[in-house]
């Protein structure tokens, strides 16, 4: 029972981590132009991709990495403790 609960919990975390962000093309173009024109002065990064990844979306990146780490720990735990629960 505990094993099923943990698997369900990890699956729900995975589902919650997926976001379906559907935006119209006009809105996407406006955001693209905003990043191109303001990334250097707001973040100080010369590369636009770096400024988006490390400054604008830093919390998203941190939580995705944390979720990946928790998933890897769960897989290692389940593979080593086959009959303990």
PDB file of N, CA and C in Angstrom:
ATOM      1  N   UNK A   1       0.828  -1.198   0.000  1.00  0.00           N
ATOM      2  CA  UNK A   1       0.000   0.000   0.000  1.00  0.00           C
ATOM      3  C   UNK A   1       0.868   1.256   0.000  1.00  0.00           C
ATOM      4  N   UNK A   2       1.935   1.237   0.809  1.00  0.00           N
ATOM      5  CA  UNK A   2       2.810   2.394   0.883  1.00  0.00           C
ATOM      6  C   UNK A   2       3.499   2.641  -0.456  1.00  0.00           C
ATOM      7  N   UNK A   3       3.866   1.570  -1.132  1.00  0.00           N
ATOM      8  CA  UNK A   3       4.529   1.689  -2.421  1.00  0.00           C
ATOM      9  C   UNK A   3       3.602   2.323  -3.449  1.00  0.00           C
ATOM     10  N   UNK A   4       2.339   1.938  -3.449  1.00  0.00           N
ATOM     11  CA  UNK A   4       1.378   2.515  -4.382  1.00  0.00           C
ATOM     12  C   UNK A   4       1.125   3.989  -4.069  1.00  0.00           C
ATOM     13  N   UNK A   5       1.097   4.322  -2.791  1.00  0.00           N
ATOM     14  CA  UNK A   5       0.884   5.714  -2.398  1.00  0.00           C
ATOM     15  C   UNK A   5       2.045   6.596  -2.861  1.00  0.00           C
ATOM     16  N   UNK A   6       3.257   6.121  -2.695  1.00  0.00           N
ATOM     17  CA  UNK A   6       4.428   6.900  -3.112  1.00  0.00           C
ATOM     18  C   UNK A   6       4.459   7.035  -4.628  1.00  0.00           C
ATOM     19  N   UNK A   7       4.141   5.962  -5.342  1.00  0.00           N
ATOM     20  CA  UNK A   7       4.104   6.034  -6.799  1.00  0.00           C
ATOM     21  C   UNK A   7       3.027   7.007  -7.273  1.00  0.00           C
ATOM     22  N   UNK A   8       1.877   6.980  -6.640  1.00  0.00           N
ATOM     23  CA  UNK A   8       0.814   7.915  -6.989  1.00  0.00           C
ATOM     24  C   UNK A   8       1.219   9.356  -6.683  1.00  0.00           C
ATOM     25  N   UNK A   9       1.875   9.563  -5.567  1.00  0.00           N
ATOM     26  CA  UNK A   9       2.343  10.891  -5.190  1.00  0.00           C
ATOM     27  C   UNK A   9       3.349  11.427  -6.214  1.00  0.00           C
ATOM     28  N   UNK A  10       4.290  10.596  -6.626  1.00  0.00           N
ATOM     29  CA  UNK A  10       5.281  11.023  -7.620  1.00  0.00           C
ATOM     30  C   UNK A  10       4.623  11.296  -8.965  1.00  0.00           C
ATOM     31  N   UNK A  11       3.631  10.485  -9.329  1.00  0.00           N
ATOM     32  CA  UNK A  11       2.924  10.708 -10.579  1.00  0.00           C
ATOM     33  C   UNK A  11       2.156  12.027 -10.541  1.00  0.00           C
ATOM     34  N   UNK A  12       1.529  12.331  -9.424  1.00  0.00           N
ATOM     35  CA  UNK A  12       0.807  13.606  -9.297  1.00  0.00           C
ATOM     36  C   UNK A  12       1.764  14.791  -9.333  1.00  0.00           C
ATOM     37  N   UNK A  13       2.934  14.649  -8.727  1.00  0.00           N
ATOM     38  CA  UNK A  13       3.939  15.711  -8.827  1.00  0.00           C
ATOM     39  C   UNK A  13       4.357  15.940 -10.270  1.00  0.00           C
ATOM     40  N   UNK A  14       4.514  14.844 -11.003  1.00  0.00           N
ATOM     41  CA  UNK A  14       4.874  14.963 -12.406  1.00  0.00           C
ATOM     42  C   UNK A  14       3.779  15.680 -13.187  1.00  0.00           C
ATOM     43  N   UNK A  15       2.527  15.322 -12.942  1.00  0.00           N
ATOM     44  CA  UNK A  15       1.427  15.971 -13.656  1.00  0.00           C
ATOM     45  C   UNK A  15       1.319  17.449 -13.311  1.00  0.00           C
ATOM     46  N   UNK A  16       1.575  17.780 -12.063  1.00  0.00           N
ATOM     47  CA  UNK A  16       1.519  19.186 -11.666  1.00  0.00           C
ATOM     48  C   UNK A  16       2.665  20.000 -12.243  1.00  0.00           C
ATOM     49  N   UNK A  17       3.779  19.335 -12.532  1.00  0.00           N
ATOM     50  CA  UNK A  17       4.931  20.065 -13.065  1.00  0.00           C
ATOM     51  C   UNK A  17       4.756  20.432 -14.528  1.00  0.00           C
ATOM     52  N   UNK A  18       3.851  19.738 -15.209  1.00  0.00           N
ATOM     53  CA  UNK A  18       3.615  20.026 -16.624  1.00  0.00           C
ATOM     54  C   UNK A  18       2.646  21.202 -16.721  1.00  0.00           C
ATOM     55  N   UNK A  19       3.057  22.189 -17.452  1.00  0.00           N
ATOM     56  CA  UNK A  19       2.154  23.323 -17.654  1.00  0.00           C
ATOM     57  C   UNK A  19       1.855  23.454 -19.139  1.00  0.00           C
ATOM     58  N   UNK A  20       0.596  23.654 -19.451  1.00  0.00           N
ATOM     59  CA  UNK A  20       0.170  23.827 -20.830  1.00  0.00           C
ATOM     60  C   UNK A  20      -0.064  25.309 -21.061  1.00  0.00           C
ATOM     61  N   UNK A  21       0.970  25.978 -21.532  1.00  0.00           N
ATOM     62  CA  UNK A  21       0.908  27.415 -21.739  1.00  0.00           C
ATOM     63  C   UNK A  21       0.679  27.676 -23.227  1.00  0.00           C
ATOM     64  N   UNK A  22      -0.560  27.835 -23.603  1.00  0.00           N
ATOM     65  CA  UNK A  22      -0.907  28.077 -24.999  1.00  0.00           C
ATOM     66  C   UNK A  22      -1.221  29.556 -25.141  1.00  0.00           C
ATOM     67  N   UNK A  23      -0.390  30.255 -25.917  1.00  0.00           N
ATOM     68  CA  UNK A  23      -0.590  31.679 -26.128  1.00  0.00           C
ATOM     69  C   UNK A  23      -0.766  31.948 -27.618  1.00  0.00           C
ATOM     70  N   UNK A  24      -1.518  32.975 -27.959  1.00  0.00           N
ATOM     71  CA  UNK A  24      -1.671  33.327 -29.374  1.00  0.00           C
ATOM     72  C   UNK A  24      -0.342  33.772 -29.975  1.00  0.00           C
ATOM     73  N   UNK A  25      -0.252  33.717 -31.281  1.00  0.00           N
ATOM     74  CA  UNK A  25       0.990  34.065 -31.964  1.00  0.00           C
ATOM     75  C   UNK A  25       1.339  35.530 -31.746  1.00  0.00           C
ATOM     76  N   UNK A  26       0.360  36.413 -31.749  1.00  0.00           N
ATOM     77  CA  UNK A  26       0.625  37.832 -31.545  1.00  0.00           C
ATOM     78  C   UNK A  26       1.241  38.070 -30.160  1.00  0.00           C
ATOM     79  N   UNK A  27       0.700  37.425 -29.145  1.00  0.00           N
ATOM     80  CA  UNK A  27       1.234  37.561 -27.792  1.00  0.00           C
ATOM     81  C   UNK A  27       2.650  37.009 -27.715  1.00  0.00           C
ATOM     82  N   UNK A  28       2.909  35.891 -28.378  1.00  0.00           N
ATOM     83  CA  UNK A  28       4.240  35.296 -28.378  1.00  0.00           C
ATOM     84  C   UNK A  28       5.241  36.223 -29.051  1.00  0.00           C
ATOM     85  N   UNK A  29       4.851  36.851 -30.134  1.00  0.00           N
ATOM     86  CA  UNK A  29       5.733  37.790 -30.828  1.00  0.00           C
ATOM     87  C   UNK A  29       6.034  38.992 -29.953  1.00  0.00           C
ATOM     88  N   UNK A  30       5.048  39.480 -29.212  1.00  0.00           N
ATOM     89  CA  UNK A  30       5.279  40.611 -28.309  1.00  0.00           C
ATOM     90  C   UNK A  30       6.261  40.234 -27.201  1.00  0.00           C
ATOM     91  N   UNK A  31       6.111  39.046 -26.657  1.00  0.00           N
ATOM     92  CA  UNK A  31       7.027  38.590 -25.614  1.00  0.00           C
ATOM     93  C   UNK A  31       8.437  38.430 -26.171  1.00  0.00           C
ATOM     94  N   UNK A  32       8.532  37.878 -27.378  1.00  0.00           N
ATOM     95  CA  UNK A  32       9.824  37.703 -28.034  1.00  0.00           C
ATOM     96  C   UNK A  32      10.516  39.051 -28.215  1.00  0.00           C
ATOM     97  N   UNK A  33       9.788  40.032 -28.704  1.00  0.00           N
ATOM     98  CA  UNK A  33      10.371  41.363 -28.894  1.00  0.00           C
ATOM     99  C   UNK A  33      10.775  41.998 -27.563  1.00  0.00           C
ATOM    100  N   UNK A  34       9.983  41.771 -26.521  1.00  0.00           N
ATOM    101  CA  UNK A  34      10.325  42.302 -25.202  1.00  0.00           C
ATOM    102  C   UNK A  34      11.644  41.715 -24.700  1.00  0.00           C
ATOM    103  N   UNK A  35      11.794  40.400 -24.832  1.00  0.00           N
ATOM    104  CA  UNK A  35      13.034  39.758 -24.380  1.00  0.00           C
ATOM    105  C   UNK A  35      14.235  40.262 -25.175  1.00  0.00           C
ATOM    106  N   UNK A  36      14.075  40.401 -26.476  1.00  0.00           N
ATOM    107  CA  UNK A  36      15.181  40.858 -27.318  1.00  0.00           C
ATOM    108  C   UNK A  36      15.604  42.269 -26.940  1.00  0.00           C
ATOM    109  N   UNK A  37      14.648  43.141 -26.716  1.00  0.00           N
ATOM    110  CA  UNK A  37      14.984  44.544 -26.475  1.00  0.00           C
ATOM    111  C   UNK A  37      15.383  44.845 -25.030  1.00  0.00           C
ATOM    112  N   UNK A  38      14.913  44.068 -24.052  1.00  0.00           N
ATOM    113  CA  UNK A  38      15.150  44.422 -22.649  1.00  0.00           C
ATOM    114  C   UNK A  38      16.052  43.480 -21.879  1.00  0.00           C
ATOM    115  N   UNK A  39      16.469  42.372 -22.463  1.00  0.00           N
ATOM    116  CA  UNK A  39      17.224  41.388 -21.683  1.00  0.00           C
ATOM    117  C   UNK A  39      18.588  41.903 -21.252  1.00  0.00           C
ATOM    118  N   UNK A  40      19.272  42.645 -22.095  1.00  0.00           N
ATOM    119  CA  UNK A  40      20.605  43.122 -21.736  1.00  0.00           C
ATOM    120  C   UNK A  40      20.552  44.140 -20.602  1.00  0.00           C
ATOM    121  N   UNK A  41      19.636  45.088 -20.676  1.00  0.00           N
ATOM    122  CA  UNK A  41      19.606  46.124 -19.636  1.00  0.00           C
ATOM    123  C   UNK A  41      18.971  45.630 -18.326  1.00  0.00           C
ATOM    124  N   UNK A  42      18.079  44.636 -18.375  1.00  0.00           N
ATOM    125  CA  UNK A  42      17.458  44.138 -17.148  1.00  0.00           C
ATOM    126  C   UNK A  42      18.295  43.090 -16.428  1.00  0.00           C
ATOM    127  N   UNK A  43      19.017  42.274 -17.178  1.00  0.00           N
ATOM    128  CA  UNK A  43      19.750  41.171 -16.555  1.00  0.00           C
ATOM    129  C   UNK A  43      21.258  41.316 -16.633  1.00  0.00           C
ATOM    130  N   UNK A  44      21.745  42.030 -17.602  1.00  0.00           N
ATOM    131  CA  UNK A  44      23.190  42.167 -17.776  1.00  0.00           C
ATOM    132  C   UNK A  44      23.814  41.033 -18.566  1.00  0.00           C
ATOM    133  N   UNK A  45      23.019  40.086 -19.007  1.00  0.00           N
ATOM    134  CA  UNK A  45      23.531  38.960 -19.779  1.00  0.00           C
ATOM    135  C   UNK A  45      23.514  39.310 -21.262  1.00  0.00           C
ATOM    136  N   UNK A  46      24.621  39.048 -21.939  1.00  0.00           N
ATOM    137  CA  UNK A  46      24.699  39.353 -23.362  1.00  0.00           C
ATOM    138  C   UNK A  46      23.865  38.361 -24.169  1.00  0.00           C
ATOM    139  N   UNK A  47      23.864  37.109 -23.745  1.00  0.00           N
ATOM    140  CA  UNK A  47      23.108  36.079 -24.445  1.00  0.00           C
ATOM    141  C   UNK A  47      21.655  36.112 -23.967  1.00  0.00           C
ATOM    142  N   UNK A  48      20.717  36.203 -24.905  1.00  0.00           N
ATOM    143  CA  UNK A  48      19.297  36.300 -24.561  1.00  0.00           C
ATOM    144  C   UNK A  48      18.790  34.998 -23.942  1.00  0.00           C
ATOM    145  N   UNK A  49      19.259  33.861 -24.458  1.00  0.00           N
ATOM    146  CA  UNK A  49      18.821  32.573 -23.916  1.00  0.00           C
ATOM    147  C   UNK A  49      19.267  32.437 -22.466  1.00  0.00           C
ATOM    148  N   UNK A  50      20.473  32.858 -22.168  1.00  0.00           N
ATOM    149  CA  UNK A  50      20.968  32.814 -20.792  1.00  0.00           C
ATOM    150  C   UNK A  50      20.152  33.716 -19.884  1.00  0.00           C
ATOM    151  N   UNK A  51      19.806  34.887 -20.360  1.00  0.00           N
ATOM    152  CA  UNK A  51      19.015  35.798 -19.524  1.00  0.00           C
ATOM    153  C   UNK A  51      17.626  35.241 -19.242  1.00  0.00           C
ATOM    154  N   UNK A  52      17.018  34.581 -20.218  1.00  0.00           N
ATOM    155  CA  UNK A  52      15.705  33.980 -19.989  1.00  0.00           C
ATOM    156  C   UNK A  52      15.823  32.814 -19.030  1.00  0.00           C
ATOM    157  N   UNK A  53      16.812  31.964 -19.268  1.00  0.00           N
ATOM    158  CA  UNK A  53      16.956  30.732 -18.477  1.00  0.00           C
ATOM    159  C   UNK A  53      17.360  31.006 -17.032  1.00  0.00           C
ATOM    160  N   UNK A  54      18.273  31.926 -16.820  1.00  0.00           N
ATOM    161  CA  UNK A  54      18.824  32.131 -15.482  1.00  0.00           C
ATOM    162  C   UNK A  54      18.253  33.335 -14.731  1.00  0.00           C
ATOM    163  N   UNK A  55      17.523  34.191 -15.387  1.00  0.00           N
ATOM    164  CA  UNK A  55      16.997  35.362 -14.695  1.00  0.00           C
ATOM    165  C   UNK A  55      15.471  35.426 -14.710  1.00  0.00           C
ATOM    166  N   UNK A  56      14.877  35.335 -15.873  1.00  0.00           N
ATOM    167  CA  UNK A  56      13.420  35.453 -15.935  1.00  0.00           C
ATOM    168  C   UNK A  56      12.726  34.196 -15.420  1.00  0.00           C
ATOM    169  N   UNK A  57      13.295  33.024 -15.674  1.00  0.00           N
ATOM    170  CA  UNK A  57      12.637  31.769 -15.314  1.00  0.00           C
ATOM    171  C   UNK A  57      13.440  30.997 -14.285  1.00  0.00           C
ATOM    172  N   UNK A  58      14.085  31.675 -13.362  1.00  0.00           N
ATOM    173  CA  UNK A  58      14.971  31.017 -12.405  1.00  0.00           C
ATOM    174  C   UNK A  58      14.202  30.076 -11.469  1.00  0.00           C
ATOM    175  N   UNK A  59      13.043  30.473 -10.999  1.00  0.00           N
ATOM    176  CA  UNK A  59      12.292  29.609 -10.080  1.00  0.00           C
ATOM    177  C   UNK A  59      11.758  28.376 -10.795  1.00  0.00           C
ATOM    178  N   UNK A  60      11.332  28.534 -12.028  1.00  0.00           N
ATOM    179  CA  UNK A  60      10.892  27.387 -12.814  1.00  0.00           C
ATOM    180  C   UNK A  60      12.030  26.389 -12.988  1.00  0.00           C
ATOM    181  N   UNK A  61      13.217  26.900 -13.267  1.00  0.00           N
ATOM    182  CA  UNK A  61      14.384  26.039 -13.443  1.00  0.00           C
ATOM    183  C   UNK A  61      14.742  25.332 -12.142  1.00  0.00           C
ATOM    184  N   UNK A  62      14.706  26.035 -11.035  1.00  0.00           N
ATOM    185  CA  UNK A  62      15.055  25.437  -9.739  1.00  0.00           C
ATOM    186  C   UNK A  62      14.065  24.332  -9.377  1.00  0.00           C
ATOM    187  N   UNK A  63      12.772  24.582  -9.558  1.00  0.00           N
ATOM    188  CA  UNK A  63      11.782  23.570  -9.186  1.00  0.00           C
ATOM    189  C   UNK A  63      11.783  22.376 -10.138  1.00  0.00           C
ATOM    190  N   UNK A  64      12.085  22.588 -11.417  1.00  0.00           N
ATOM    191  CA  UNK A  64      12.224  21.453 -12.331  1.00  0.00           C
ATOM    192  C   UNK A  64      13.411  20.579 -11.916  1.00  0.00           C
ATOM    193  N   UNK A  65      14.502  21.207 -11.534  1.00  0.00           N
ATOM    194  CA  UNK A  65      15.674  20.461 -11.086  1.00  0.00           C
ATOM    195  C   UNK A  65      15.376  19.720  -9.791  1.00  0.00           C
ATOM    196  N   UNK A  66      14.661  20.344  -8.879  1.00  0.00           N
ATOM    197  CA  UNK A  66      14.283  19.695  -7.631  1.00  0.00           C
ATOM    198  C   UNK A  66      13.374  18.494  -7.873  1.00  0.00           C
ATOM    199  N   UNK A  67      12.418  18.630  -8.781  1.00  0.00           N
ATOM    200  CA  UNK A  67      11.530  17.529  -9.119  1.00  0.00           C
ATOM    201  C   UNK A  67      12.301  16.367  -9.746  1.00  0.00           C
ATOM    202  N   UNK A  68      13.260  16.678 -10.599  1.00  0.00           N
ATOM    203  CA  UNK A  68      14.095  15.627 -11.184  1.00  0.00           C
ATOM    204  C   UNK A  68      14.906  14.915 -10.115  1.00  0.00           C
ATOM    205  N   UNK A  69      15.450  15.656  -9.165  1.00  0.00           N
ATOM    206  CA  UNK A  69      16.226  15.069  -8.078  1.00  0.00           C
ATOM    207  C   UNK A  69      15.360  14.145  -7.213  1.00  0.00           C
ATOM    208  N   UNK A  70      14.157  14.571  -6.875  1.00  0.00           N
ATOM    209  CA  UNK A  70      13.251  13.740  -6.075  1.00  0.00           C
ATOM    210  C   UNK A  70      12.888  12.465  -6.831  1.00  0.00           C
ATOM    211  N   UNK A  71      12.666  12.576  -8.127  1.00  0.00           N
ATOM    212  CA  UNK A  71      12.346  11.398  -8.931  1.00  0.00           C
ATOM    213  C   UNK A  71      13.499  10.408  -8.970  1.00  0.00           C
ATOM    214  N   UNK A  72      14.707  10.910  -9.109  1.00  0.00           N
ATOM    215  CA  UNK A  72      15.879  10.031  -9.137  1.00  0.00           C
ATOM    216  C   UNK A  72      16.074   9.351  -7.785  1.00  0.00           C
ATOM    217  N   UNK A  73      15.884  10.083  -6.705  1.00  0.00           N
ATOM    218  CA  UNK A  73      16.003   9.487  -5.369  1.00  0.00           C
ATOM    219  C   UNK A  73      14.951   8.404  -5.175  1.00  0.00           C
ATOM    220  N   UNK A  74      13.729   8.639  -5.639  1.00  0.00           N
ATOM    221  CA  UNK A  74      12.667   7.634  -5.512  1.00  0.00           C
ATOM    222  C   UNK A  74      12.982   6.381  -6.324  1.00  0.00           C
ATOM    223  N   UNK A  75      13.511   6.551  -7.513  1.00  0.00           N
ATOM    224  CA  UNK A  75      13.867   5.394  -8.342  1.00  0.00           C
ATOM    225  C   UNK A  75      14.985   4.593  -7.690  1.00  0.00           C
ATOM    226  N   UNK A  76      15.984   5.261  -7.158  1.00  0.00           N
ATOM    227  CA  UNK A  76      17.072   4.559  -6.476  1.00  0.00           C
ATOM    228  C   UNK A  76      16.544   3.837  -5.239  1.00  0.00           C
ATOM    229  N   UNK A  77      15.676   4.479  -4.489  1.00  0.00           N
ATOM    230  CA  UNK A  77      15.123   3.853  -3.290  1.00  0.00           C
ATOM    231  C   UNK A  77      14.323   2.599  -3.639  1.00  0.00           C
ATOM    232  N   UNK A  78      13.447   2.705  -4.651  1.00  0.00           N
ATOM    233  CA  UNK A  78      12.618   1.562  -5.021  1.00  0.00           C
ATOM    234  C   UNK A  78      13.445   0.430  -5.616  1.00  0.00           C
ATOM    235  N   UNK A  79      14.523   0.759  -6.314  1.00  0.00           N
ATOM    236  CA  UNK A  79      15.325  -0.303  -6.927  1.00  0.00           C
ATOM    237  C   UNK A  79      16.172  -1.051  -5.884  1.00  0.00           C
ATOM    238  N   UNK A  80      16.546  -0.410  -4.797  1.00  0.00           N
ATOM    239  CA  UNK A  80      17.384  -1.048  -3.784  1.00  0.00           C
ATOM    240  C   UNK A  80      16.581  -1.724  -2.680  1.00  0.00           C
ATOM    241  N   UNK A  81      15.375  -1.283  -2.427  1.00  0.00           N
ATOM    242  CA  UNK A  81      14.541  -1.820  -1.347  1.00  0.00           C
ATOM    243  C   UNK A  81      13.326  -2.512  -1.947  1.00  0.00           C
ATOM    244  N   UNK A  82      13.537  -3.656  -2.541  1.00  0.00           N
ATOM    245  CA  UNK A  82      12.461  -4.322  -3.250  1.00  0.00           C
ATOM    246  C   UNK A  82      11.373  -4.871  -2.324  1.00  0.00           C
ATOM    247  N   UNK A  83      11.730  -5.487  -1.203  1.00  0.00           N
ATOM    248  CA  UNK A  83      10.721  -6.123  -0.386  1.00  0.00           C
ATOM    249  C   UNK A  83      10.608  -5.566   1.007  1.00  0.00           C
ATOM    250  N   UNK A  84      11.128  -4.399   1.280  1.00  0.00           N
ATOM    251  CA  UNK A  84      11.151  -3.846   2.628  1.00  0.00           C
ATOM    252  C   UNK A  84       9.873  -3.165   3.044  1.00  0.00           C
ATOM    253  N   UNK A  85       8.923  -2.959   2.157  1.00  0.00           N
ATOM    254  CA  UNK A  85       7.717  -2.217   2.518  1.00  0.00           C
ATOM    255  C   UNK A  85       6.558  -3.026   2.215  1.00  0.00           C
TER     256      UNK A  85
END
